[in-house]
């Protein structure tokens, strides 16, 4: 996807970069790539909630739970301003998943996993 990013109009590239940052952080656990995509996401026409979600995903990968929780709060409070209803629903699920990963794991849950 990154190879064709320049084919998108300026202003929309940042939204694609945000989604790539989220994907790299949450699904591939590749911190460097997630950070690079997040850096490419500055500016543009993007939902603030998605930007905050990307910041939270990167912070989680860095094991910075305080920054992640703060970014998730910001994502949740700004999701009602989403430009796309589908992304708004996706954000709700991703916020819940990331919040769950912030919860301390009990010894029993480690043994079961």
PDB file of N, CA and C in Angstrom:
ATOM      1  N   UNK A   1       0.822  -1.199   0.000  1.00  0.00           N
ATOM      2  CA  UNK A   1       0.000   0.000   0.000  1.00  0.00           C
ATOM      3  C   UNK A   1       0.861   1.256   0.000  1.00  0.00           C
ATOM      4  N   UNK A   2       1.941   1.220   0.745  1.00  0.00           N
ATOM      5  CA  UNK A   2       2.804   2.385   0.830  1.00  0.00           C
ATOM      6  C   UNK A   2       3.364   2.803  -0.511  1.00  0.00           C
ATOM      7  N   UNK A   3       3.544   1.834  -1.422  1.00  0.00           N
ATOM      8  CA  UNK A   3       4.111   2.135  -2.730  1.00  0.00           C
ATOM      9  C   UNK A   3       3.196   3.032  -3.566  1.00  0.00           C
ATOM     10  N   UNK A   4       1.913   2.981  -3.332  1.00  0.00           N
ATOM     11  CA  UNK A   4       0.970   3.760  -4.139  1.00  0.00           C
ATOM     12  C   UNK A   4       0.415   4.973  -3.386  1.00  0.00           C
ATOM     13  N   UNK A   5       0.951   5.255  -2.234  1.00  0.00           N
ATOM     14  CA  UNK A   5       0.423   6.356  -1.431  1.00  0.00           C
ATOM     15  C   UNK A   5       0.465   7.683  -2.183  1.00  0.00           C
ATOM     16  N   UNK A   6       1.507   7.909  -2.960  1.00  0.00           N
ATOM     17  CA  UNK A   6       1.637   9.169  -3.699  1.00  0.00           C
ATOM     18  C   UNK A   6       0.579   9.324  -4.783  1.00  0.00           C
ATOM     19  N   UNK A   7      -0.111   8.257  -5.121  1.00  0.00           N
ATOM     20  CA  UNK A   7      -1.161   8.338  -6.126  1.00  0.00           C
ATOM     21  C   UNK A   7      -2.451   8.931  -5.558  1.00  0.00           C
ATOM     22  N   UNK A   8      -2.550   8.987  -4.235  1.00  0.00           N
ATOM     23  CA  UNK A   8      -3.721   9.593  -3.600  1.00  0.00           C
ATOM     24  C   UNK A   8      -3.552  11.099  -3.585  1.00  0.00           C
ATOM     25  N   UNK A   9      -4.646  11.853  -3.654  1.00  0.00           N
ATOM     26  CA  UNK A   9      -4.539  13.313  -3.603  1.00  0.00           C
ATOM     27  C   UNK A   9      -3.985  13.777  -2.261  1.00  0.00           C
ATOM     28  N   UNK A  10      -3.195  14.848  -2.316  1.00  0.00           N
ATOM     29  CA  UNK A  10      -2.695  15.425  -1.077  1.00  0.00           C
ATOM     30  C   UNK A  10      -3.888  15.808  -0.219  1.00  0.00           C
ATOM     31  N   UNK A  11      -3.778  15.591   1.050  1.00  0.00           N
ATOM     32  CA  UNK A  11      -4.890  15.825   1.965  1.00  0.00           C
ATOM     33  C   UNK A  11      -5.560  14.527   2.368  1.00  0.00           C
ATOM     34  N   UNK A  12      -5.566  13.558   1.454  1.00  0.00           N
ATOM     35  CA  UNK A  12      -6.132  12.248   1.749  1.00  0.00           C
ATOM     36  C   UNK A  12      -5.048  11.231   2.070  1.00  0.00           C
ATOM     37  N   UNK A  13      -3.831  11.505   1.643  1.00  0.00           N
ATOM     38  CA  UNK A  13      -2.720  10.596   1.932  1.00  0.00           C
ATOM     39  C   UNK A  13      -2.558  10.389   3.432  1.00  0.00           C
ATOM     40  N   UNK A  14      -2.799  11.447   4.188  1.00  0.00           N
ATOM     41  CA  UNK A  14      -2.623  11.364   5.630  1.00  0.00           C
ATOM     42  C   UNK A  14      -3.598  10.375   6.250  1.00  0.00           C
ATOM     43  N   UNK A  15      -4.812  10.312   5.738  1.00  0.00           N
ATOM     44  CA  UNK A  15      -5.787   9.346   6.248  1.00  0.00           C
ATOM     45  C   UNK A  15      -5.354   7.917   5.977  1.00  0.00           C
ATOM     46  N   UNK A  16      -4.798   7.685   4.812  1.00  0.00           N
ATOM     47  CA  UNK A  16      -4.286   6.356   4.486  1.00  0.00           C
ATOM     48  C   UNK A  16      -3.110   6.023   5.409  1.00  0.00           C
ATOM     49  N   UNK A  17      -2.239   7.017   5.626  1.00  0.00           N
ATOM     50  CA  UNK A  17      -1.076   6.805   6.502  1.00  0.00           C
ATOM     51  C   UNK A  17      -1.522   6.470   7.923  1.00  0.00           C
ATOM     52  N   UNK A  18      -2.585   7.104   8.394  1.00  0.00           N
ATOM     53  CA  UNK A  18      -3.102   6.799   9.737  1.00  0.00           C
ATOM     54  C   UNK A  18      -3.541   5.342   9.819  1.00  0.00           C
ATOM     55  N   UNK A  19      -4.265   4.895   8.807  1.00  0.00           N
ATOM     56  CA  UNK A  19      -4.732   3.510   8.813  1.00  0.00           C
ATOM     57  C   UNK A  19      -3.565   2.535   8.739  1.00  0.00           C
ATOM     58  N   UNK A  20      -2.539   2.882   7.988  1.00  0.00           N
ATOM     59  CA  UNK A  20      -1.354   2.032   7.916  1.00  0.00           C
ATOM     60  C   UNK A  20      -0.621   2.010   9.251  1.00  0.00           C
ATOM     61  N   UNK A  21      -0.581   3.146   9.945  1.00  0.00           N
ATOM     62  CA  UNK A  21       0.048   3.194  11.274  1.00  0.00           C
ATOM     63  C   UNK A  21      -0.710   2.297  12.249  1.00  0.00           C
ATOM     64  N   UNK A  22      -2.017   2.364  12.213  1.00  0.00           N
ATOM     65  CA  UNK A  22      -2.834   1.524  13.093  1.00  0.00           C
ATOM     66  C   UNK A  22      -2.596   0.050  12.768  1.00  0.00           C
ATOM     67  N   UNK A  23      -2.592  -0.279  11.488  1.00  0.00           N
ATOM     68  CA  UNK A  23      -2.387  -1.671  11.077  1.00  0.00           C
ATOM     69  C   UNK A  23      -1.015  -2.185  11.518  1.00  0.00           C
ATOM     70  N   UNK A  24       0.015  -1.393  11.270  1.00  0.00           N
ATOM     71  CA  UNK A  24       1.370  -1.809  11.654  1.00  0.00           C
ATOM     72  C   UNK A  24       1.481  -1.997  13.162  1.00  0.00           C
ATOM     73  N   UNK A  25       0.829  -1.130  13.921  1.00  0.00           N
ATOM     74  CA  UNK A  25       0.919  -1.216  15.387  1.00  0.00           C
ATOM     75  C   UNK A  25       0.091  -2.375  15.933  1.00  0.00           C
ATOM     76  N   UNK A  26      -1.153  -2.481  15.516  1.00  0.00           N
ATOM     77  CA  UNK A  26      -2.058  -3.462  16.112  1.00  0.00           C
ATOM     78  C   UNK A  26      -1.906  -4.873  15.561  1.00  0.00           C
ATOM     79  N   UNK A  27      -1.599  -4.996  14.280  1.00  0.00           N
ATOM     80  CA  UNK A  27      -1.629  -6.311  13.659  1.00  0.00           C
ATOM     81  C   UNK A  27      -0.253  -6.882  13.340  1.00  0.00           C
ATOM     82  N   UNK A  28       0.681  -6.014  13.068  1.00  0.00           N
ATOM     83  CA  UNK A  28       2.027  -6.496  12.753  1.00  0.00           C
ATOM     84  C   UNK A  28       3.015  -6.259  13.888  1.00  0.00           C
ATOM     85  N   UNK A  29       2.632  -5.404  14.838  1.00  0.00           N
ATOM     86  CA  UNK A  29       3.490  -5.065  15.985  1.00  0.00           C
ATOM     87  C   UNK A  29       4.875  -4.595  15.539  1.00  0.00           C
ATOM     88  N   UNK A  30       4.902  -3.768  14.501  1.00  0.00           N
ATOM     89  CA  UNK A  30       6.162  -3.235  13.980  1.00  0.00           C
ATOM     90  C   UNK A  30       6.220  -1.753  14.335  1.00  0.00           C
ATOM     91  N   UNK A  31       6.894  -1.466  15.428  1.00  0.00           N
ATOM     92  CA  UNK A  31       6.933  -0.116  15.981  1.00  0.00           C
ATOM     93  C   UNK A  31       7.515   0.896  15.009  1.00  0.00           C
ATOM     94  N   UNK A  32       8.653   0.604  14.444  1.00  0.00           N
ATOM     95  CA  UNK A  32       9.315   1.556  13.559  1.00  0.00           C
ATOM     96  C   UNK A  32       8.413   1.946  12.378  1.00  0.00           C
ATOM     97  N   UNK A  33       7.781   0.949  11.761  1.00  0.00           N
ATOM     98  CA  UNK A  33       6.898   1.223  10.631  1.00  0.00           C
ATOM     99  C   UNK A  33       5.674   2.015  11.070  1.00  0.00           C
ATOM    100  N   UNK A  34       5.112   1.657  12.210  1.00  0.00           N
ATOM    101  CA  UNK A  34       3.944   2.383  12.722  1.00  0.00           C
ATOM    102  C   UNK A  34       4.306   3.845  12.995  1.00  0.00           C
ATOM    103  N   UNK A  35       5.458   4.080  13.586  1.00  0.00           N
ATOM    104  CA  UNK A  35       5.907   5.450  13.852  1.00  0.00           C
ATOM    105  C   UNK A  35       6.129   6.221  12.554  1.00  0.00           C
ATOM    106  N   UNK A  36       6.695   5.567  11.567  1.00  0.00           N
ATOM    107  CA  UNK A  36       6.931   6.232  10.283  1.00  0.00           C
ATOM    108  C   UNK A  36       5.616   6.625   9.622  1.00  0.00           C
ATOM    109  N   UNK A  37       4.642   5.718   9.639  1.00  0.00           N
ATOM    110  CA  UNK A  37       3.344   6.040   9.054  1.00  0.00           C
ATOM    111  C   UNK A  37       2.653   7.155   9.833  1.00  0.00           C
ATOM    112  N   UNK A  38       2.772   7.121  11.142  1.00  0.00           N
ATOM    113  CA  UNK A  38       2.169   8.180  11.949  1.00  0.00           C
ATOM    114  C   UNK A  38       2.797   9.527  11.629  1.00  0.00           C
ATOM    115  N   UNK A  39       4.102   9.548  11.410  1.00  0.00           N
ATOM    116  CA  UNK A  39       4.783  10.789  11.036  1.00  0.00           C
ATOM    117  C   UNK A  39       4.293  11.295   9.676  1.00  0.00           C
ATOM    118  N   UNK A  40       3.992  10.387   8.758  1.00  0.00           N
ATOM    119  CA  UNK A  40       3.474  10.767   7.438  1.00  0.00           C
ATOM    120  C   UNK A  40       2.028  11.264   7.506  1.00  0.00           C
ATOM    121  N   UNK A  41       1.376  11.040   8.619  1.00  0.00           N
ATOM    122  CA  UNK A  41      -0.052  11.351   8.756  1.00  0.00           C
ATOM    123  C   UNK A  41      -0.322  12.773   9.239  1.00  0.00           C
ATOM    124  N   UNK A  42       0.714  13.560   9.411  1.00  0.00           N
ATOM    125  CA  UNK A  42       0.499  14.937   9.891  1.00  0.00           C
ATOM    126  C   UNK A  42      -0.294  15.730   8.865  1.00  0.00           C
ATOM    127  N   UNK A  43      -1.273  16.499   9.368  1.00  0.00           N
ATOM    128  CA  UNK A  43      -2.089  17.328   8.489  1.00  0.00           C
ATOM    129  C   UNK A  43      -3.136  16.513   7.762  1.00  0.00           C
ATOM    130  N   UNK A  44      -3.631  17.055   6.680  1.00  0.00           N
ATOM    131  CA  UNK A  44      -4.588  16.347   5.844  1.00  0.00           C
ATOM    132  C   UNK A  44      -6.015  16.398   6.346  1.00  0.00           C
ATOM    133  N   UNK A  45      -6.846  15.718   5.607  1.00  0.00           N
ATOM    134  CA  UNK A  45      -8.277  15.649   5.912  1.00  0.00           C
ATOM    135  C   UNK A  45      -8.519  14.304   6.571  1.00  0.00           C
ATOM    136  N   UNK A  46      -8.495  14.296   7.885  1.00  0.00           N
ATOM    137  CA  UNK A  46      -8.640  13.041   8.632  1.00  0.00           C
ATOM    138  C   UNK A  46      -9.556  13.253   9.831  1.00  0.00           C
ATOM    139  N   UNK A  47     -10.148  12.155  10.275  1.00  0.00           N
ATOM    140  CA  UNK A  47     -10.922  12.196  11.516  1.00  0.00           C
ATOM    141  C   UNK A  47      -9.944  12.314  12.684  1.00  0.00           C
ATOM    142  N   UNK A  48     -10.218  13.249  13.551  1.00  0.00           N
ATOM    143  CA  UNK A  48      -9.366  13.393  14.736  1.00  0.00           C
ATOM    144  C   UNK A  48      -9.374  12.119  15.561  1.00  0.00           C
ATOM    145  N   UNK A  49     -10.518  11.452  15.630  1.00  0.00           N
ATOM    146  CA  UNK A  49     -10.586  10.228  16.428  1.00  0.00           C
ATOM    147  C   UNK A  49      -9.656   9.154  15.875  1.00  0.00           C
ATOM    148  N   UNK A  50      -9.538   9.036  14.548  1.00  0.00           N
ATOM    149  CA  UNK A  50      -8.647   8.048  13.956  1.00  0.00           C
ATOM    150  C   UNK A  50      -7.186   8.410  14.227  1.00  0.00           C
ATOM    151  N   UNK A  51      -6.878   9.699  14.193  1.00  0.00           N
ATOM    152  CA  UNK A  51      -5.508  10.130  14.493  1.00  0.00           C
ATOM    153  C   UNK A  51      -5.156   9.763  15.937  1.00  0.00           C
ATOM    154  N   UNK A  52      -6.076  10.053  16.870  1.00  0.00           N
ATOM    155  CA  UNK A  52      -5.838   9.709  18.277  1.00  0.00           C
ATOM    156  C   UNK A  52      -5.730   8.193  18.454  1.00  0.00           C
ATOM    157  N   UNK A  53      -6.523   7.460  17.705  1.00  0.00           N
ATOM    158  CA  UNK A  53      -6.468   6.001  17.781  1.00  0.00           C
ATOM    159  C   UNK A  53      -5.105   5.495  17.324  1.00  0.00           C
ATOM    160  N   UNK A  54      -4.570   6.077  16.263  1.00  0.00           N
ATOM    161  CA  UNK A  54      -3.231   5.689  15.792  1.00  0.00           C
ATOM    162  C   UNK A  54      -2.183   6.010  16.845  1.00  0.00           C
ATOM    163  N   UNK A  55      -2.316   7.161  17.471  1.00  0.00           N
ATOM    164  CA  UNK A  55      -1.372   7.538  18.539  1.00  0.00           C
ATOM    165  C   UNK A  55      -1.454   6.531  19.688  1.00  0.00           C
ATOM    166  N   UNK A  56      -2.665   6.115  20.023  1.00  0.00           N
ATOM    167  CA  UNK A  56      -2.848   5.133  21.099  1.00  0.00           C
ATOM    168  C   UNK A  56      -2.233   3.793  20.729  1.00  0.00           C
ATOM    169  N   UNK A  57      -2.436   3.368  19.487  1.00  0.00           N
ATOM    170  CA  UNK A  57      -1.894   2.088  19.043  1.00  0.00           C
ATOM    171  C   UNK A  57      -0.370   2.084  19.113  1.00  0.00           C
ATOM    172  N   UNK A  58       0.244   3.175  18.693  1.00  0.00           N
ATOM    173  CA  UNK A  58       1.708   3.274  18.754  1.00  0.00           C
ATOM    174  C   UNK A  58       2.170   3.308  20.207  1.00  0.00           C
ATOM    175  N   UNK A  59       1.466   4.050  21.052  1.00  0.00           N
ATOM    176  CA  UNK A  59       1.831   4.119  22.471  1.00  0.00           C
ATOM    177  C   UNK A  59       1.717   2.749  23.137  1.00  0.00           C
ATOM    178  N   UNK A  60       0.690   1.988  22.786  1.00  0.00           N
ATOM    179  CA  UNK A  60       0.551   0.631  23.334  1.00  0.00           C
ATOM    180  C   UNK A  60       1.732  -0.245  22.927  1.00  0.00           C
ATOM    181  N   UNK A  61       2.131  -0.117  21.679  1.00  0.00           N
ATOM    182  CA  UNK A  61       3.258  -0.907  21.201  1.00  0.00           C
ATOM    183  C   UNK A  61       4.554  -0.509  21.912  1.00  0.00           C
ATOM    184  N   UNK A  62       4.626   0.751  22.329  1.00  0.00           N
ATOM    185  CA  UNK A  62       5.784   1.229  23.090  1.00  0.00           C
ATOM    186  C   UNK A  62       5.650   0.892  24.571  1.00  0.00           C
ATOM    187  N   UNK A  63       4.526   0.289  24.945  1.00  0.00           N
ATOM    188  CA  UNK A  63       4.220  -0.055  26.333  1.00  0.00           C
ATOM    189  C   UNK A  63       4.073   1.185  27.211  1.00  0.00           C
ATOM    190  N   UNK A  64       3.607   2.281  26.609  1.00  0.00           N
ATOM    191  CA  UNK A  64       3.363   3.529  27.334  1.00  0.00           C
ATOM    192  C   UNK A  64       1.860   3.637  27.584  1.00  0.00           C
ATOM    193  N   UNK A  65       1.425   3.002  28.657  1.00  0.00           N
ATOM    194  CA  UNK A  65      -0.014   2.900  28.933  1.00  0.00           C
ATOM    195  C   UNK A  65      -0.642   4.239  29.271  1.00  0.00           C
ATOM    196  N   UNK A  66       0.095   5.133  29.866  1.00  0.00           N
ATOM    197  CA  UNK A  66      -0.466   6.447  30.211  1.00  0.00           C
ATOM    198  C   UNK A  66      -0.787   7.244  28.948  1.00  0.00           C
ATOM    199  N   UNK A  67       0.140   7.281  28.008  1.00  0.00           N
ATOM    200  CA  UNK A  67      -0.098   7.990  26.744  1.00  0.00           C
ATOM    201  C   UNK A  67      -1.208   7.296  25.960  1.00  0.00           C
ATOM    202  N   UNK A  68      -1.200   5.971  25.961  1.00  0.00           N
ATOM    203  CA  UNK A  68      -2.240   5.225  25.245  1.00  0.00           C
ATOM    204  C   UNK A  68      -3.625   5.528  25.813  1.00  0.00           C
ATOM    205  N   UNK A  69      -3.759   5.523  27.123  1.00  0.00           N
ATOM    206  CA  UNK A  69      -5.053   5.802  27.754  1.00  0.00           C
ATOM    207  C   UNK A  69      -5.525   7.217  27.436  1.00  0.00           C
ATOM    208  N   UNK A  70      -4.616   8.161  27.474  1.00  0.00           N
ATOM    209  CA  UNK A  70      -4.964   9.546  27.159  1.00  0.00           C
ATOM    210  C   UNK A  70      -5.410   9.675  25.697  1.00  0.00           C
ATOM    211  N   UNK A  71      -4.693   9.026  24.788  1.00  0.00           N
ATOM    212  CA  UNK A  71      -5.057   9.072  23.372  1.00  0.00           C
ATOM    213  C   UNK A  71      -6.392   8.372  23.130  1.00  0.00           C
ATOM    214  N   UNK A  72      -6.654   7.290  23.845  1.00  0.00           N
ATOM    215  CA  UNK A  72      -7.945   6.600  23.711  1.00  0.00           C
ATOM    216  C   UNK A  72      -9.085   7.476  24.216  1.00  0.00           C
ATOM    217  N   UNK A  73      -8.858   8.201  25.309  1.00  0.00           N
ATOM    218  CA  UNK A  73      -9.870   9.145  25.799  1.00  0.00           C
ATOM    219  C   UNK A  73     -10.177  10.192  24.730  1.00  0.00           C
ATOM    220  N   UNK A  74      -9.121  10.719  24.104  1.00  0.00           N
ATOM    221  CA  UNK A  74      -9.300  11.729  23.056  1.00  0.00           C
ATOM    222  C   UNK A  74     -10.014  11.131  21.844  1.00  0.00           C
ATOM    223  N   UNK A  75      -9.672   9.897  21.492  1.00  0.00           N
ATOM    224  CA  UNK A  75     -10.329   9.240  20.362  1.00  0.00           C
ATOM    225  C   UNK A  75     -11.815   9.047  20.639  1.00  0.00           C
ATOM    226  N   UNK A  76     -12.106   8.626  21.858  1.00  0.00           N
ATOM    227  CA  UNK A  76     -13.502   8.393  22.222  1.00  0.00           C
ATOM    228  C   UNK A  76     -14.303   9.697  22.246  1.00  0.00           C
ATOM    229  N   UNK A  77     -13.723  10.740  22.767  1.00  0.00           N
ATOM    230  CA  UNK A  77     -14.458  12.003  22.866  1.00  0.00           C
ATOM    231  C   UNK A  77     -14.644  12.685  21.509  1.00  0.00           C
ATOM    232  N   UNK A  78     -13.806  12.362  20.537  1.00  0.00           N
ATOM    233  CA  UNK A  78     -13.935  13.014  19.235  1.00  0.00           C
ATOM    234  C   UNK A  78     -14.577  12.120  18.168  1.00  0.00           C
ATOM    235  N   UNK A  79     -14.922  10.900  18.520  1.00  0.00           N
ATOM    236  CA  UNK A  79     -15.457   9.995  17.494  1.00  0.00           C
ATOM    237  C   UNK A  79     -16.837  10.402  16.993  1.00  0.00           C
ATOM    238  N   UNK A  80     -17.572  11.191  17.767  1.00  0.00           N
ATOM    239  CA  UNK A  80     -18.897  11.647  17.311  1.00  0.00           C
ATOM    240  C   UNK A  80     -18.782  12.637  16.148  1.00  0.00           C
ATOM    241  N   UNK A  81     -17.570  13.127  15.888  1.00  0.00           N
ATOM    242  CA  UNK A  81     -17.341  14.056  14.783  1.00  0.00           C
ATOM    243  C   UNK A  81     -16.819  13.343  13.541  1.00  0.00           C
ATOM    244  N   UNK A  82     -16.882  12.029  13.530  1.00  0.00           N
ATOM    245  CA  UNK A  82     -16.335  11.236  12.424  1.00  0.00           C
ATOM    246  C   UNK A  82     -17.004  11.599  11.105  1.00  0.00           C
ATOM    247  N   UNK A  83     -16.198  11.610  10.057  1.00  0.00           N
ATOM    248  CA  UNK A  83     -16.707  11.906   8.715  1.00  0.00           C
ATOM    249  C   UNK A  83     -17.298  10.670   8.056  1.00  0.00           C
ATOM    250  N   UNK A  84     -16.944   9.494   8.568  1.00  0.00           N
ATOM    251  CA  UNK A  84     -17.366   8.245   7.952  1.00  0.00           C
ATOM    252  C   UNK A  84     -17.987   7.338   9.016  1.00  0.00           C
ATOM    253  N   UNK A  85     -19.223   6.953   8.802  1.00  0.00           N
ATOM    254  CA  UNK A  85     -19.928   6.130   9.795  1.00  0.00           C
ATOM    255  C   UNK A  85     -19.259   4.768   9.982  1.00  0.00           C
ATOM    256  N   UNK A  86     -18.728   4.199   8.915  1.00  0.00           N
ATOM    257  CA  UNK A  86     -18.056   2.906   9.030  1.00  0.00           C
ATOM    258  C   UNK A  86     -16.825   2.986   9.909  1.00  0.00           C
ATOM    259  N   UNK A  87     -16.022   4.042   9.715  1.00  0.00           N
ATOM    260  CA  UNK A  87     -14.847   4.215  10.563  1.00  0.00           C
ATOM    261  C   UNK A  87     -15.253   4.504  12.004  1.00  0.00           C
ATOM    262  N   UNK A  88     -16.374   5.183  12.202  1.00  0.00           N
ATOM    263  CA  UNK A  88     -16.843   5.458  13.563  1.00  0.00           C
ATOM    264  C   UNK A  88     -17.142   4.143  14.289  1.00  0.00           C
ATOM    265  N   UNK A  89     -17.787   3.211  13.602  1.00  0.00           N
ATOM    266  CA  UNK A  89     -18.085   1.897  14.201  1.00  0.00           C
ATOM    267  C   UNK A  89     -16.800   1.105  14.441  1.00  0.00           C
ATOM    268  N   UNK A  90     -15.902   1.156  13.485  1.00  0.00           N
ATOM    269  CA  UNK A  90     -14.617   0.475  13.637  1.00  0.00           C
ATOM    270  C   UNK A  90     -13.856   1.047  14.829  1.00  0.00           C
ATOM    271  N   UNK A  91     -13.899   2.364  14.974  1.00  0.00           N
ATOM    272  CA  UNK A  91     -13.211   3.016  16.090  1.00  0.00           C
ATOM    273  C   UNK A  91     -13.734   2.539  17.430  1.00  0.00           C
ATOM    274  N   UNK A  92     -15.040   2.390  17.555  1.00  0.00           N
ATOM    275  CA  UNK A  92     -15.635   1.914  18.808  1.00  0.00           C
ATOM    276  C   UNK A  92     -15.034   0.560  19.179  1.00  0.00           C
ATOM    277  N   UNK A  93     -14.980  -0.346  18.205  1.00  0.00           N
ATOM    278  CA  UNK A  93     -14.425  -1.676  18.458  1.00  0.00           C
ATOM    279  C   UNK A  93     -12.940  -1.613  18.796  1.00  0.00           C
ATOM    280  N   UNK A  94     -12.187  -0.823  18.050  1.00  0.00           N
ATOM    281  CA  UNK A  94     -10.747  -0.734  18.290  1.00  0.00           C
ATOM    282  C   UNK A  94     -10.438  -0.068  19.629  1.00  0.00           C
ATOM    283  N   UNK A  95     -11.214   0.937  19.997  1.00  0.00           N
ATOM    284  CA  UNK A  95     -11.030   1.580  21.303  1.00  0.00           C
ATOM    285  C   UNK A  95     -11.257   0.561  22.412  1.00  0.00           C
ATOM    286  N   UNK A  96     -12.345  -0.213  22.295  1.00  0.00           N
ATOM    287  CA  UNK A  96     -12.649  -1.224  23.318  1.00  0.00           C
ATOM    288  C   UNK A  96     -11.527  -2.263  23.402  1.00  0.00           C
ATOM    289  N   UNK A  97     -11.043  -2.716  22.262  1.00  0.00           N
ATOM    290  CA  UNK A  97      -9.960  -3.704  22.257  1.00  0.00           C
ATOM    291  C   UNK A  97      -8.690  -3.142  22.902  1.00  0.00           C
ATOM    292  N   UNK A  98      -8.365  -1.917  22.562  1.00  0.00           N
ATOM    293  CA  UNK A  98      -7.149  -1.321  23.130  1.00  0.00           C
ATOM    294  C   UNK A  98      -7.308  -1.052  24.619  1.00  0.00           C
ATOM    295  N   UNK A  99      -8.487  -0.627  25.024  1.00  0.00           N
ATOM    296  CA  UNK A  99      -8.715  -0.418  26.463  1.00  0.00           C
ATOM    297  C   UNK A  99      -8.565  -1.735  27.223  1.00  0.00           C
ATOM    298  N   UNK A 100      -9.063  -2.817  26.630  1.00  0.00           N
ATOM    299  CA  UNK A 100      -8.941  -4.129  27.278  1.00  0.00           C
ATOM    300  C   UNK A 100      -7.471  -4.514  27.433  1.00  0.00           C
ATOM    301  N   UNK A 101      -6.655  -4.140  26.476  1.00  0.00           N
ATOM    302  CA  UNK A 101      -5.234  -4.494  26.581  1.00  0.00           C
ATOM    303  C   UNK A 101      -4.513  -3.656  27.629  1.00  0.00           C
ATOM    304  N   UNK A 102      -5.131  -2.568  28.066  1.00  0.00           N
ATOM    305  CA  UNK A 102      -4.551  -1.742  29.128  1.00  0.00           C
ATOM    306  C   UNK A 102      -4.822  -2.310  30.511  1.00  0.00           C
ATOM    307  N   UNK A 103      -5.806  -3.220  30.597  1.00  0.00           N
ATOM    308  CA  UNK A 103      -6.158  -3.797  31.893  1.00  0.00           C
ATOM    309  C   UNK A 103      -5.067  -4.760  32.342  1.00  0.00           C
ATOM    310  N   UNK A 104      -4.767  -4.758  33.640  1.00  0.00           N
ATOM    311  CA  UNK A 104      -3.766  -5.709  34.121  1.00  0.00           C
ATOM    312  C   UNK A 104      -4.249  -7.139  33.920  1.00  0.00           C
ATOM    313  N   UNK A 105      -3.337  -7.998  33.539  1.00  0.00           N
ATOM    314  CA  UNK A 105      -3.664  -9.405  33.322  1.00  0.00           C
ATOM    315  C   UNK A 105      -3.523 -10.154  34.646  1.00  0.00           C
ATOM    316  N   UNK A 106      -4.529 -10.947  34.954  1.00  0.00           N
ATOM    317  CA  UNK A 106      -4.464 -11.761  36.166  1.00  0.00           C
ATOM    318  C   UNK A 106      -3.585 -12.981  35.888  1.00  0.00           C
ATOM    319  N   UNK A 107      -3.013 -13.591  36.929  1.00  0.00           N
ATOM    320  CA  UNK A 107      -2.218 -14.809  36.723  1.00  0.00           C
ATOM    321  C   UNK A 107      -3.002 -15.915  36.023  1.00  0.00           C
ATOM    322  N   UNK A 108      -4.300 -16.017  36.317  1.00  0.00           N
ATOM    323  CA  UNK A 108      -5.121 -17.051  35.708  1.00  0.00           C
ATOM    324  C   UNK A 108      -5.262 -16.819  34.200  1.00  0.00           C
ATOM    325  N   UNK A 109      -5.361 -15.552  33.773  1.00  0.00           N
ATOM    326  CA  UNK A 109      -5.500 -15.279  32.348  1.00  0.00           C
ATOM    327  C   UNK A 109      -4.202 -15.573  31.604  1.00  0.00           C
ATOM    328  N   UNK A 110      -3.049 -15.402  32.260  1.00  0.00           N
ATOM    329  CA  UNK A 110      -1.771 -15.753  31.638  1.00  0.00           C
ATOM    330  C   UNK A 110      -1.670 -17.262  31.457  1.00  0.00           C
ATOM    331  N   UNK A 111      -2.133 -18.015  32.426  1.00  0.00           N
ATOM    332  CA  UNK A 111      -2.061 -19.477  32.364  1.00  0.00           C
ATOM    333  C   UNK A 111      -2.976 -20.012  31.280  1.00  0.00           C
ATOM    334  N   UNK A 112      -4.130 -19.362  31.087  1.00  0.00           N
ATOM    335  CA  UNK A 112      -5.083 -19.820  30.094  1.00  0.00           C
ATOM    336  C   UNK A 112      -4.606 -19.488  28.685  1.00  0.00           C
ATOM    337  N   UNK A 113      -3.830 -18.383  28.508  1.00  0.00           N
ATOM    338  CA  UNK A 113      -3.413 -17.943  27.165  1.00  0.00           C
ATOM    339  C   UNK A 113      -2.259 -18.662  26.724  1.00  0.00           C
TER     340      UNK A 113
END
